[in-house]
Amino acid sequence: MAEKIQTKKPKKKVEKKEEIKIEEKMEKAEQKEKAIEETKKEEKEKSEIKKEKPKKTEAIVNAFGIPVSTKKSAAVCKFIKGKTIFSAISDLEKVISKKTPVPMKGEIPHRKGKIMSGRYPKRTAEHFIKLLKTLSANAEVNGINEPVISEAVANIASRPFGRFGRVRKKRTHVRIIARQKINKNKNQ
């Protein structure tokens, strides 16, 4: 009968080796954390440099398929072009309350005042007020101080059929652009 002799290793040496391994792992983890922090700092510095974007010179708003007449939209575009955004909004509010007519061409009745013929396109004015408020917000974001409407264009959109396919609905695409007000000095 052969007896097996078991050799017992002292527990203290094993525990010390495990402690050393744990300490090495902790040191490696700390080094990784420091490296990650350094890369984050570098990325922040790079992003701060990238944030210096060139200043935009115009604010744009596009609307597709608005359910208003293209003829009335074109008249309102002509009415607001060259005005500041806030004066255009106040003028369109006067149109809604039927105090100021929008000049229009065609066989349209004459109105009181300096204009020949015009109408009060209420729904069109309401949609344009929403667009102009969006345009003023875009101008603030782009850093434009005194925005003036430089372009206002209304185009015909695809007109869907109404119910039962008899009637074609009204649809219009609108694009409004505002730019910085240019001050012209007579001395220069």
N, C-alpha and C. Protein backbone atom coordinates (compact mmCIF):
# COMPACT_ATOMS: atom_id res chain seq x y z
N MET A 1 0.82 -1.17 0.00
CA MET A 1 0.00 0.00 0.00
C MET A 1 0.87 1.23 0.00
N ALA A 2 0.62 1.94 -1.02
CA ALA A 2 1.40 3.15 -1.15
C ALA A 2 0.63 4.31 -0.54
N GLU A 3 1.29 4.96 0.28
CA GLU A 3 0.63 6.10 0.91
C GLU A 3 1.00 7.36 0.16
N LYS A 4 -0.02 8.11 -0.04
CA LYS A 4 0.21 9.39 -0.72
C LYS A 4 0.56 10.43 0.32
N ILE A 5 1.59 11.11 0.02
CA ILE A 5 2.01 12.17 0.92
C ILE A 5 1.55 13.49 0.31
N GLN A 6 0.76 14.17 1.05
CA GLN A 6 0.26 15.46 0.57
C GLN A 6 1.12 16.56 1.17
N THR A 7 1.55 17.42 0.28
CA THR A 7 2.34 18.55 0.74
C THR A 7 1.42 19.76 0.81
N LYS A 8 1.35 20.32 1.92
CA LYS A 8 0.52 21.50 2.09
C LYS A 8 1.38 22.74 1.95
N LYS A 9 0.91 23.62 1.08
CA LYS A 9 1.61 24.88 0.89
C LYS A 9 1.15 25.84 1.98
N PRO A 10 2.04 26.63 2.41
CA PRO A 10 1.61 27.58 3.45
C PRO A 10 0.63 28.61 2.87
N LYS A 11 -0.42 28.91 3.58
CA LYS A 11 -1.47 29.81 3.11
C LYS A 11 -0.99 31.25 3.04
N LYS A 12 -0.07 31.61 3.84
CA LYS A 12 0.39 32.99 3.87
C LYS A 12 1.06 33.39 2.56
N LYS A 13 1.84 32.54 1.97
CA LYS A 13 2.51 32.85 0.71
C LYS A 13 1.49 32.99 -0.42
N VAL A 14 0.48 32.13 -0.43
CA VAL A 14 -0.55 32.19 -1.46
C VAL A 14 -1.34 33.49 -1.34
N GLU A 15 -1.68 33.85 -0.12
CA GLU A 15 -2.43 35.08 0.11
C GLU A 15 -1.62 36.30 -0.30
N LYS A 16 -0.31 36.29 -0.05
CA LYS A 16 0.54 37.42 -0.43
C LYS A 16 0.61 37.55 -1.95
N LYS A 17 0.70 36.44 -2.65
CA LYS A 17 0.74 36.48 -4.11
C LYS A 17 -0.57 37.03 -4.67
N GLU A 18 -1.68 36.62 -4.07
CA GLU A 18 -2.99 37.11 -4.51
C GLU A 18 -3.12 38.61 -4.25
N GLU A 19 -2.63 39.05 -3.11
CA GLU A 19 -2.67 40.48 -2.78
C GLU A 19 -1.83 41.28 -3.77
N ILE A 20 -0.67 40.75 -4.12
CA ILE A 20 0.20 41.44 -5.08
C ILE A 20 -0.49 41.54 -6.44
N LYS A 21 -1.15 40.47 -6.87
CA LYS A 21 -1.87 40.48 -8.14
C LYS A 21 -3.01 41.50 -8.11
N ILE A 22 -3.72 41.54 -7.01
CA ILE A 22 -4.82 42.50 -6.87
C ILE A 22 -4.30 43.93 -6.92
N GLU A 23 -3.18 44.18 -6.25
CA GLU A 23 -2.59 45.52 -6.25
C GLU A 23 -2.15 45.92 -7.67
N GLU A 24 -1.58 44.99 -8.39
CA GLU A 24 -1.16 45.27 -9.77
C GLU A 24 -2.37 45.60 -10.65
N LYS A 25 -3.45 44.86 -10.46
CA LYS A 25 -4.67 45.13 -11.22
C LYS A 25 -5.22 46.51 -10.90
N MET A 26 -5.19 46.86 -9.62
CA MET A 26 -5.67 48.18 -9.19
C MET A 26 -4.82 49.29 -9.82
N GLU A 27 -3.52 49.10 -9.85
CA GLU A 27 -2.64 50.10 -10.44
C GLU A 27 -2.91 50.26 -11.94
N LYS A 28 -3.12 49.13 -12.62
CA LYS A 28 -3.42 49.18 -14.05
C LYS A 28 -4.75 49.90 -14.29
N ALA A 29 -5.75 49.64 -13.45
CA ALA A 29 -7.06 50.29 -13.59
C ALA A 29 -6.94 51.80 -13.39
N GLU A 30 -6.12 52.21 -12.40
CA GLU A 30 -5.92 53.64 -12.16
C GLU A 30 -5.22 54.31 -13.34
N GLN A 31 -4.26 53.62 -13.93
CA GLN A 31 -3.56 54.17 -15.09
C GLN A 31 -4.51 54.33 -16.28
N LYS A 32 -5.39 53.34 -16.45
CA LYS A 32 -6.37 53.43 -17.53
C LYS A 32 -7.32 54.61 -17.31
N GLU A 33 -7.76 54.79 -16.07
CA GLU A 33 -8.65 55.91 -15.75
C GLU A 33 -7.97 57.25 -16.03
N LYS A 34 -6.70 57.36 -15.66
CA LYS A 34 -5.96 58.59 -15.93
C LYS A 34 -5.84 58.85 -17.42
N ALA A 35 -5.57 57.80 -18.18
CA ALA A 35 -5.46 57.94 -19.63
C ALA A 35 -6.80 58.37 -20.24
N ILE A 36 -7.88 57.81 -19.75
CA ILE A 36 -9.22 58.17 -20.24
C ILE A 36 -9.52 59.63 -19.92
N GLU A 37 -9.19 60.07 -18.71
CA GLU A 37 -9.42 61.46 -18.33
C GLU A 37 -8.62 62.42 -19.21
N GLU A 38 -7.38 62.06 -19.51
CA GLU A 38 -6.55 62.91 -20.36
C GLU A 38 -7.13 63.02 -21.77
N THR A 39 -7.59 61.89 -22.31
CA THR A 39 -8.19 61.94 -23.65
C THR A 39 -9.48 62.76 -23.64
N LYS A 40 -10.27 62.69 -22.58
CA LYS A 40 -11.49 63.49 -22.48
C LYS A 40 -11.15 64.98 -22.46
N LYS A 41 -10.10 65.34 -21.71
CA LYS A 41 -9.69 66.74 -21.67
C LYS A 41 -9.25 67.22 -23.04
N GLU A 42 -8.51 66.39 -23.77
CA GLU A 42 -8.07 66.76 -25.11
C GLU A 42 -9.26 66.92 -26.06
N GLU A 43 -10.24 66.02 -25.93
CA GLU A 43 -11.44 66.11 -26.77
C GLU A 43 -12.22 67.39 -26.47
N LYS A 44 -12.31 67.76 -25.19
CA LYS A 44 -13.01 68.99 -24.83
C LYS A 44 -12.31 70.20 -25.44
N GLU A 45 -10.99 70.21 -25.37
CA GLU A 45 -10.24 71.33 -25.95
C GLU A 45 -10.46 71.41 -27.46
N LYS A 46 -10.48 70.25 -28.12
CA LYS A 46 -10.72 70.23 -29.56
C LYS A 46 -12.13 70.69 -29.89
N SER A 47 -13.11 70.27 -29.08
CA SER A 47 -14.50 70.66 -29.36
C SER A 47 -14.69 72.15 -29.12
N GLU A 48 -13.98 72.73 -28.14
CA GLU A 48 -14.06 74.17 -27.92
C GLU A 48 -13.52 74.93 -29.12
N ILE A 49 -12.49 74.40 -29.72
CA ILE A 49 -11.93 75.03 -30.91
C ILE A 49 -12.91 74.92 -32.07
N LYS A 50 -13.58 73.77 -32.19
CA LYS A 50 -14.53 73.55 -33.27
C LYS A 50 -15.79 74.39 -33.13
N LYS A 51 -16.14 74.79 -31.90
CA LYS A 51 -17.38 75.55 -31.68
C LYS A 51 -17.35 76.93 -32.31
N GLU A 52 -16.21 77.42 -32.68
CA GLU A 52 -16.11 78.73 -33.30
C GLU A 52 -16.50 78.61 -34.78
N LYS A 53 -17.80 78.51 -35.02
CA LYS A 53 -18.30 78.37 -36.38
C LYS A 53 -18.45 79.74 -37.03
N PRO A 54 -18.38 79.78 -38.33
CA PRO A 54 -18.61 81.07 -38.99
C PRO A 54 -20.06 81.51 -38.81
N LYS A 55 -20.24 82.80 -38.65
CA LYS A 55 -21.56 83.35 -38.40
C LYS A 55 -22.41 83.27 -39.68
N LYS A 56 -23.65 82.79 -39.52
CA LYS A 56 -24.54 82.71 -40.67
C LYS A 56 -25.10 84.10 -40.96
N THR A 57 -25.30 84.39 -42.23
CA THR A 57 -25.74 85.73 -42.62
C THR A 57 -27.23 85.80 -42.91
N GLU A 58 -27.91 84.64 -42.91
CA GLU A 58 -29.33 84.66 -43.22
C GLU A 58 -30.07 83.59 -42.44
N ALA A 59 -31.36 83.82 -42.28
CA ALA A 59 -32.24 82.85 -41.64
C ALA A 59 -33.30 82.43 -42.66
N ILE A 60 -33.56 81.14 -42.74
CA ILE A 60 -34.46 80.61 -43.76
C ILE A 60 -35.57 79.81 -43.10
N VAL A 61 -36.76 79.92 -43.66
CA VAL A 61 -37.86 79.05 -43.26
C VAL A 61 -38.55 78.55 -44.53
N ASN A 62 -38.78 77.24 -44.59
CA ASN A 62 -39.46 76.62 -45.71
C ASN A 62 -40.72 75.95 -45.21
N ALA A 63 -41.78 76.04 -45.99
CA ALA A 63 -43.02 75.35 -45.67
C ALA A 63 -43.50 74.65 -46.94
N PHE A 64 -43.83 73.40 -46.80
CA PHE A 64 -44.24 72.62 -47.96
C PHE A 64 -45.69 72.18 -47.82
N GLY A 65 -46.47 72.41 -48.86
CA GLY A 65 -47.84 71.92 -48.89
C GLY A 65 -48.79 72.61 -47.94
N ILE A 66 -48.68 73.92 -47.78
CA ILE A 66 -49.60 74.65 -46.92
C ILE A 66 -50.97 74.69 -47.60
N PRO A 67 -52.05 74.46 -46.88
CA PRO A 67 -53.37 74.44 -47.52
C PRO A 67 -53.97 75.82 -47.74
N VAL A 68 -53.29 76.67 -48.49
CA VAL A 68 -53.79 78.00 -48.84
C VAL A 68 -53.58 78.24 -50.33
N SER A 69 -54.28 79.23 -50.86
CA SER A 69 -54.20 79.55 -52.28
C SER A 69 -52.82 80.12 -52.63
N THR A 70 -52.30 79.72 -53.77
CA THR A 70 -51.00 80.22 -54.22
C THR A 70 -51.09 81.69 -54.60
N LYS A 71 -52.20 82.10 -55.16
CA LYS A 71 -52.38 83.51 -55.55
C LYS A 71 -52.37 84.41 -54.32
N LYS A 72 -53.10 84.02 -53.28
CA LYS A 72 -53.12 84.82 -52.06
C LYS A 72 -51.77 84.80 -51.36
N SER A 73 -51.09 83.65 -51.41
CA SER A 73 -49.77 83.55 -50.79
C SER A 73 -48.76 84.44 -51.50
N ALA A 74 -48.83 84.49 -52.82
CA ALA A 74 -47.92 85.36 -53.57
C ALA A 74 -48.17 86.82 -53.23
N ALA A 75 -49.45 87.19 -53.07
CA ALA A 75 -49.78 88.57 -52.70
C ALA A 75 -49.24 88.91 -51.31
N VAL A 76 -49.37 87.98 -50.37
CA VAL A 76 -48.87 88.21 -49.02
C VAL A 76 -47.35 88.29 -49.03
N CYS A 77 -46.70 87.46 -49.85
CA CYS A 77 -45.23 87.51 -49.97
C CYS A 77 -44.77 88.88 -50.45
N LYS A 78 -45.46 89.41 -51.45
CA LYS A 78 -45.14 90.74 -51.97
C LYS A 78 -45.40 91.81 -50.91
N PHE A 79 -46.44 91.59 -50.09
CA PHE A 79 -46.84 92.52 -49.04
C PHE A 79 -45.80 92.60 -47.92
N ILE A 80 -45.17 91.47 -47.55
CA ILE A 80 -44.23 91.47 -46.42
C ILE A 80 -42.77 91.65 -46.83
N LYS A 81 -42.47 91.55 -48.10
CA LYS A 81 -41.08 91.63 -48.55
C LYS A 81 -40.51 93.03 -48.27
N GLY A 82 -39.29 93.08 -47.72
CA GLY A 82 -38.62 94.33 -47.42
C GLY A 82 -38.93 94.87 -46.03
N LYS A 83 -39.82 94.21 -45.29
CA LYS A 83 -40.17 94.67 -43.93
C LYS A 83 -39.37 93.87 -42.91
N THR A 84 -39.28 94.41 -41.69
CA THR A 84 -38.71 93.62 -40.61
C THR A 84 -39.73 92.56 -40.21
N ILE A 85 -39.28 91.53 -39.53
CA ILE A 85 -40.16 90.42 -39.20
C ILE A 85 -41.29 90.87 -38.28
N PHE A 86 -40.97 91.71 -37.31
CA PHE A 86 -41.98 92.11 -36.33
C PHE A 86 -43.02 93.04 -36.95
N SER A 87 -42.59 93.92 -37.85
CA SER A 87 -43.58 94.79 -38.51
C SER A 87 -44.46 93.97 -39.46
N ALA A 88 -43.89 92.94 -40.09
CA ALA A 88 -44.68 92.08 -40.97
C ALA A 88 -45.73 91.31 -40.17
N ILE A 89 -45.35 90.84 -38.98
CA ILE A 89 -46.32 90.13 -38.13
C ILE A 89 -47.44 91.06 -37.71
N SER A 90 -47.09 92.29 -37.32
CA SER A 90 -48.14 93.23 -36.89
C SER A 90 -49.05 93.62 -38.06
N ASP A 91 -48.48 93.77 -39.28
CA ASP A 91 -49.31 94.07 -40.45
C ASP A 91 -50.26 92.92 -40.77
N LEU A 92 -49.77 91.68 -40.65
CA LEU A 92 -50.64 90.53 -40.92
C LEU A 92 -51.72 90.37 -39.86
N GLU A 93 -51.43 90.78 -38.64
CA GLU A 93 -52.48 90.77 -37.61
C GLU A 93 -53.55 91.80 -37.93
N LYS A 94 -53.15 92.93 -38.51
CA LYS A 94 -54.14 93.92 -38.96
C LYS A 94 -54.98 93.38 -40.12
N VAL A 95 -54.37 92.55 -40.97
CA VAL A 95 -55.10 91.93 -42.07
C VAL A 95 -56.16 90.97 -41.52
N ILE A 96 -55.80 90.21 -40.49
CA ILE A 96 -56.74 89.27 -39.89
C ILE A 96 -57.93 90.01 -39.27
N SER A 97 -57.65 91.16 -38.64
CA SER A 97 -58.74 91.95 -38.04
C SER A 97 -59.44 92.85 -39.06
N LYS A 98 -59.09 92.72 -40.33
CA LYS A 98 -59.71 93.44 -41.46
C LYS A 98 -59.58 94.96 -41.34
N LYS A 99 -58.38 95.41 -40.93
CA LYS A 99 -58.11 96.84 -40.87
C LYS A 99 -57.19 97.27 -42.00
N THR A 100 -56.33 96.37 -42.47
CA THR A 100 -55.41 96.67 -43.57
C THR A 100 -55.57 95.60 -44.64
N PRO A 101 -55.92 95.97 -45.87
CA PRO A 101 -56.04 94.96 -46.93
C PRO A 101 -54.69 94.64 -47.57
N VAL A 102 -54.59 93.44 -48.13
CA VAL A 102 -53.40 93.05 -48.87
C VAL A 102 -53.64 93.40 -50.33
N PRO A 103 -52.77 94.20 -50.96
CA PRO A 103 -52.97 94.56 -52.36
C PRO A 103 -52.89 93.33 -53.27
N MET A 104 -53.87 93.20 -54.17
CA MET A 104 -53.90 92.08 -55.10
C MET A 104 -54.25 92.59 -56.49
N LYS A 105 -53.82 91.85 -57.49
CA LYS A 105 -54.15 92.20 -58.86
C LYS A 105 -55.27 91.31 -59.37
N GLY A 106 -55.92 91.78 -60.38
CA GLY A 106 -57.01 90.99 -60.96
C GLY A 106 -58.34 91.69 -60.76
N GLU A 107 -59.40 90.99 -61.05
CA GLU A 107 -60.74 91.57 -60.89
C GLU A 107 -61.18 91.45 -59.45
N ILE A 108 -60.61 92.32 -58.63
CA ILE A 108 -60.88 92.33 -57.20
C ILE A 108 -61.38 93.72 -56.85
N PRO A 109 -62.37 93.83 -55.96
CA PRO A 109 -62.93 95.15 -55.65
C PRO A 109 -61.91 96.10 -55.01
N HIS A 110 -62.13 97.40 -55.25
CA HIS A 110 -61.26 98.43 -54.70
C HIS A 110 -61.49 98.58 -53.21
N ARG A 111 -60.46 99.07 -52.52
CA ARG A 111 -60.53 99.26 -51.07
C ARG A 111 -60.26 100.72 -50.73
N LYS A 112 -60.63 101.10 -49.52
CA LYS A 112 -60.38 102.45 -49.06
C LYS A 112 -58.89 102.62 -48.80
N GLY A 113 -58.41 103.82 -49.03
CA GLY A 113 -57.00 104.11 -48.78
C GLY A 113 -56.22 104.30 -50.06
N LYS A 114 -54.93 104.14 -49.97
CA LYS A 114 -54.05 104.40 -51.11
C LYS A 114 -53.99 103.26 -52.11
N ILE A 115 -54.42 102.06 -51.74
CA ILE A 115 -54.31 100.94 -52.66
C ILE A 115 -55.53 100.89 -53.58
N MET A 116 -55.35 100.25 -54.72
CA MET A 116 -56.45 100.13 -55.67
C MET A 116 -57.37 98.98 -55.28
N SER A 117 -56.88 97.77 -55.41
CA SER A 117 -57.72 96.62 -55.10
C SER A 117 -57.00 95.70 -54.13
N GLY A 118 -57.76 95.00 -53.30
CA GLY A 118 -57.14 94.11 -52.32
C GLY A 118 -58.16 93.28 -51.60
N ARG A 119 -57.66 92.35 -50.81
CA ARG A 119 -58.52 91.46 -50.02
C ARG A 119 -57.92 91.27 -48.64
N TYR A 120 -58.63 90.50 -47.82
CA TYR A 120 -58.20 90.19 -46.46
C TYR A 120 -58.02 88.67 -46.33
N PRO A 121 -56.93 88.10 -46.81
CA PRO A 121 -56.75 86.65 -46.75
C PRO A 121 -56.42 86.18 -45.33
N LYS A 122 -57.45 85.84 -44.56
CA LYS A 122 -57.29 85.54 -43.14
C LYS A 122 -56.46 84.26 -42.90
N ARG A 123 -56.85 83.15 -43.54
CA ARG A 123 -56.14 81.89 -43.30
C ARG A 123 -54.69 81.97 -43.77
N THR A 124 -54.47 82.63 -44.89
CA THR A 124 -53.10 82.79 -45.39
C THR A 124 -52.27 83.61 -44.41
N ALA A 125 -52.86 84.67 -43.88
CA ALA A 125 -52.15 85.51 -42.92
C ALA A 125 -51.81 84.73 -41.65
N GLU A 126 -52.73 83.87 -41.20
CA GLU A 126 -52.46 83.06 -40.00
C GLU A 126 -51.28 82.12 -40.22
N HIS A 127 -51.25 81.47 -41.38
CA HIS A 127 -50.14 80.57 -41.68
C HIS A 127 -48.83 81.35 -41.79
N PHE A 128 -48.86 82.53 -42.39
CA PHE A 128 -47.65 83.32 -42.54
C PHE A 128 -47.14 83.84 -41.19
N ILE A 129 -48.04 84.13 -40.27
CA ILE A 129 -47.60 84.56 -38.94
C ILE A 129 -46.83 83.45 -38.25
N LYS A 130 -47.30 82.20 -38.37
CA LYS A 130 -46.55 81.07 -37.80
C LYS A 130 -45.17 80.96 -38.42
N LEU A 131 -45.11 81.11 -39.75
CA LEU A 131 -43.82 81.02 -40.43
C LEU A 131 -42.89 82.14 -40.01
N LEU A 132 -43.43 83.35 -39.85
CA LEU A 132 -42.59 84.49 -39.47
C LEU A 132 -42.07 84.35 -38.04
N LYS A 133 -42.86 83.77 -37.15
CA LYS A 133 -42.37 83.53 -35.78
C LYS A 133 -41.23 82.52 -35.80
N THR A 134 -41.36 81.50 -36.63
CA THR A 134 -40.27 80.53 -36.78
C THR A 134 -39.03 81.20 -37.35
N LEU A 135 -39.24 82.08 -38.32
CA LEU A 135 -38.13 82.80 -38.95
C LEU A 135 -37.41 83.69 -37.94
N SER A 136 -38.15 84.36 -37.05
CA SER A 136 -37.51 85.21 -36.05
C SER A 136 -36.68 84.37 -35.07
N ALA A 137 -37.19 83.17 -34.72
CA ALA A 137 -36.41 82.28 -33.84
C ALA A 137 -35.13 81.83 -34.55
N ASN A 138 -35.22 81.50 -35.83
CA ASN A 138 -34.03 81.10 -36.59
C ASN A 138 -33.03 82.25 -36.67
N ALA A 139 -33.52 83.46 -36.83
CA ALA A 139 -32.64 84.62 -36.90
C ALA A 139 -31.90 84.83 -35.57
N GLU A 140 -32.59 84.63 -34.45
CA GLU A 140 -31.95 84.76 -33.15
C GLU A 140 -30.85 83.72 -32.97
N VAL A 141 -31.13 82.49 -33.38
CA VAL A 141 -30.14 81.42 -33.25
C VAL A 141 -28.93 81.71 -34.12
N ASN A 142 -29.15 82.25 -35.32
CA ASN A 142 -28.05 82.54 -36.23
C ASN A 142 -27.32 83.82 -35.88
N GLY A 143 -27.82 84.59 -34.92
CA GLY A 143 -27.14 85.80 -34.48
C GLY A 143 -27.39 87.01 -35.35
N ILE A 144 -28.56 87.07 -35.98
CA ILE A 144 -28.90 88.22 -36.82
C ILE A 144 -29.67 89.21 -35.94
N ASN A 145 -29.16 90.43 -35.83
CA ASN A 145 -29.75 91.41 -34.91
C ASN A 145 -31.03 92.05 -35.44
N GLU A 146 -30.97 92.65 -36.61
CA GLU A 146 -32.13 93.31 -37.20
C GLU A 146 -32.51 92.60 -38.49
N PRO A 147 -33.28 91.52 -38.40
CA PRO A 147 -33.59 90.77 -39.62
C PRO A 147 -34.65 91.47 -40.48
N VAL A 148 -34.37 91.52 -41.77
CA VAL A 148 -35.30 92.09 -42.75
C VAL A 148 -35.60 91.00 -43.77
N ILE A 149 -36.87 90.87 -44.15
CA ILE A 149 -37.26 89.85 -45.11
C ILE A 149 -36.76 90.26 -46.49
N SER A 150 -35.82 89.50 -47.00
CA SER A 150 -35.23 89.84 -48.30
C SER A 150 -35.86 89.03 -49.44
N GLU A 151 -36.30 87.82 -49.14
CA GLU A 151 -36.96 87.00 -50.16
C GLU A 151 -38.20 86.36 -49.55
N ALA A 152 -39.26 86.37 -50.33
CA ALA A 152 -40.48 85.67 -49.95
C ALA A 152 -41.10 85.14 -51.24
N VAL A 153 -41.15 83.82 -51.37
CA VAL A 153 -41.59 83.20 -52.61
C VAL A 153 -42.67 82.17 -52.31
N ALA A 154 -43.74 82.19 -53.12
CA ALA A 154 -44.80 81.19 -53.02
C ALA A 154 -44.87 80.44 -54.34
N ASN A 155 -44.85 79.13 -54.28
CA ASN A 155 -44.91 78.29 -55.47
C ASN A 155 -46.06 77.29 -55.37
N ILE A 156 -46.53 76.83 -56.53
CA ILE A 156 -47.61 75.86 -56.56
C ILE A 156 -47.07 74.50 -56.10
N ALA A 157 -47.81 73.85 -55.22
CA ALA A 157 -47.46 72.51 -54.76
C ALA A 157 -48.34 71.49 -55.46
N SER A 158 -48.05 70.21 -55.24
CA SER A 158 -48.89 69.18 -55.84
C SER A 158 -50.27 69.23 -55.17
N ARG A 159 -51.30 69.22 -55.98
CA ARG A 159 -52.65 69.42 -55.46
C ARG A 159 -53.38 68.08 -55.38
N PRO A 160 -53.66 67.61 -54.17
CA PRO A 160 -54.35 66.33 -54.05
C PRO A 160 -55.83 66.46 -54.40
N PHE A 161 -56.42 65.34 -54.78
CA PHE A 161 -57.86 65.33 -55.04
C PHE A 161 -58.61 65.34 -53.72
N GLY A 162 -59.74 66.01 -53.75
CA GLY A 162 -60.61 66.01 -52.58
C GLY A 162 -61.37 64.70 -52.50
N ARG A 163 -62.31 64.66 -51.59
CA ARG A 163 -63.11 63.47 -51.42
C ARG A 163 -63.94 63.22 -52.68
N PHE A 164 -64.07 62.00 -53.06
CA PHE A 164 -64.80 61.55 -54.26
C PHE A 164 -64.10 61.95 -55.55
N GLY A 165 -62.90 62.55 -55.49
CA GLY A 165 -62.10 62.81 -56.67
C GLY A 165 -62.62 63.91 -57.58
N ARG A 166 -63.51 64.72 -57.12
CA ARG A 166 -64.09 65.76 -57.97
C ARG A 166 -63.32 67.08 -57.88
N VAL A 167 -62.86 67.42 -56.68
CA VAL A 167 -62.26 68.72 -56.41
C VAL A 167 -60.76 68.57 -56.20
N ARG A 168 -59.98 69.55 -56.68
CA ARG A 168 -58.55 69.61 -56.39
C ARG A 168 -58.34 70.59 -55.25
N LYS A 169 -57.59 70.16 -54.23
CA LYS A 169 -57.33 71.01 -53.06
C LYS A 169 -56.24 72.03 -53.36
N LYS A 170 -56.19 73.08 -52.54
CA LYS A 170 -55.17 74.12 -52.69
C LYS A 170 -53.95 73.75 -51.88
N ARG A 171 -52.79 73.86 -52.46
CA ARG A 171 -51.53 73.61 -51.76
C ARG A 171 -50.47 74.58 -52.29
N THR A 172 -49.59 75.05 -51.37
CA THR A 172 -48.57 76.03 -51.72
C THR A 172 -47.28 75.74 -50.97
N HIS A 173 -46.15 75.89 -51.66
CA HIS A 173 -44.84 75.87 -51.02
C HIS A 173 -44.42 77.31 -50.78
N VAL A 174 -43.89 77.60 -49.58
CA VAL A 174 -43.46 78.96 -49.24
C VAL A 174 -42.02 78.92 -48.73
N ARG A 175 -41.22 79.89 -49.18
CA ARG A 175 -39.83 80.02 -48.73
C ARG A 175 -39.61 81.49 -48.38
N ILE A 176 -39.18 81.73 -47.13
CA ILE A 176 -38.92 83.10 -46.68
C ILE A 176 -37.49 83.17 -46.15
N ILE A 177 -36.75 84.19 -46.60
CA ILE A 177 -35.36 84.39 -46.18
C ILE A 177 -35.23 85.78 -45.57
N ALA A 178 -34.59 85.84 -44.40
CA ALA A 178 -34.32 87.12 -43.74
C ALA A 178 -32.82 87.31 -43.63
N ARG A 179 -32.38 88.54 -43.89
CA ARG A 179 -30.96 88.88 -43.80
C ARG A 179 -30.79 90.09 -42.87
N GLN A 180 -29.54 90.34 -42.53
CA GLN A 180 -29.20 91.49 -41.68
C GLN A 180 -29.56 92.79 -42.38
N LYS A 181 -30.11 93.72 -41.63
CA LYS A 181 -30.46 95.02 -42.20
C LYS A 181 -29.18 95.78 -42.54
N ILE A 182 -29.12 96.33 -43.75
CA ILE A 182 -27.95 97.06 -44.20
C ILE A 182 -28.20 98.55 -44.00
N ASN A 183 -27.34 99.19 -43.23
CA ASN A 183 -27.46 100.63 -43.00
C ASN A 183 -26.64 101.37 -44.04
N LYS A 184 -27.31 102.20 -44.83
CA LYS A 184 -26.62 102.96 -45.88
C LYS A 184 -26.39 104.38 -45.37
N ASN A 185 -25.13 104.76 -45.30
CA ASN A 185 -24.77 106.13 -44.88
C ASN A 185 -24.55 106.98 -46.11
N LYS A 186 -25.09 108.18 -46.11
CA LYS A 186 -24.94 109.08 -47.27
C LYS A 186 -23.54 109.70 -47.32
N ASN A 187 -22.85 109.75 -46.17
CA ASN A 187 -21.53 110.36 -46.11
C ASN A 187 -20.48 109.52 -46.81
N GLN A 188 -20.67 108.21 -46.87
CA GLN A 188 -19.62 107.35 -47.44
C GLN A 188 -19.87 107.07 -48.88
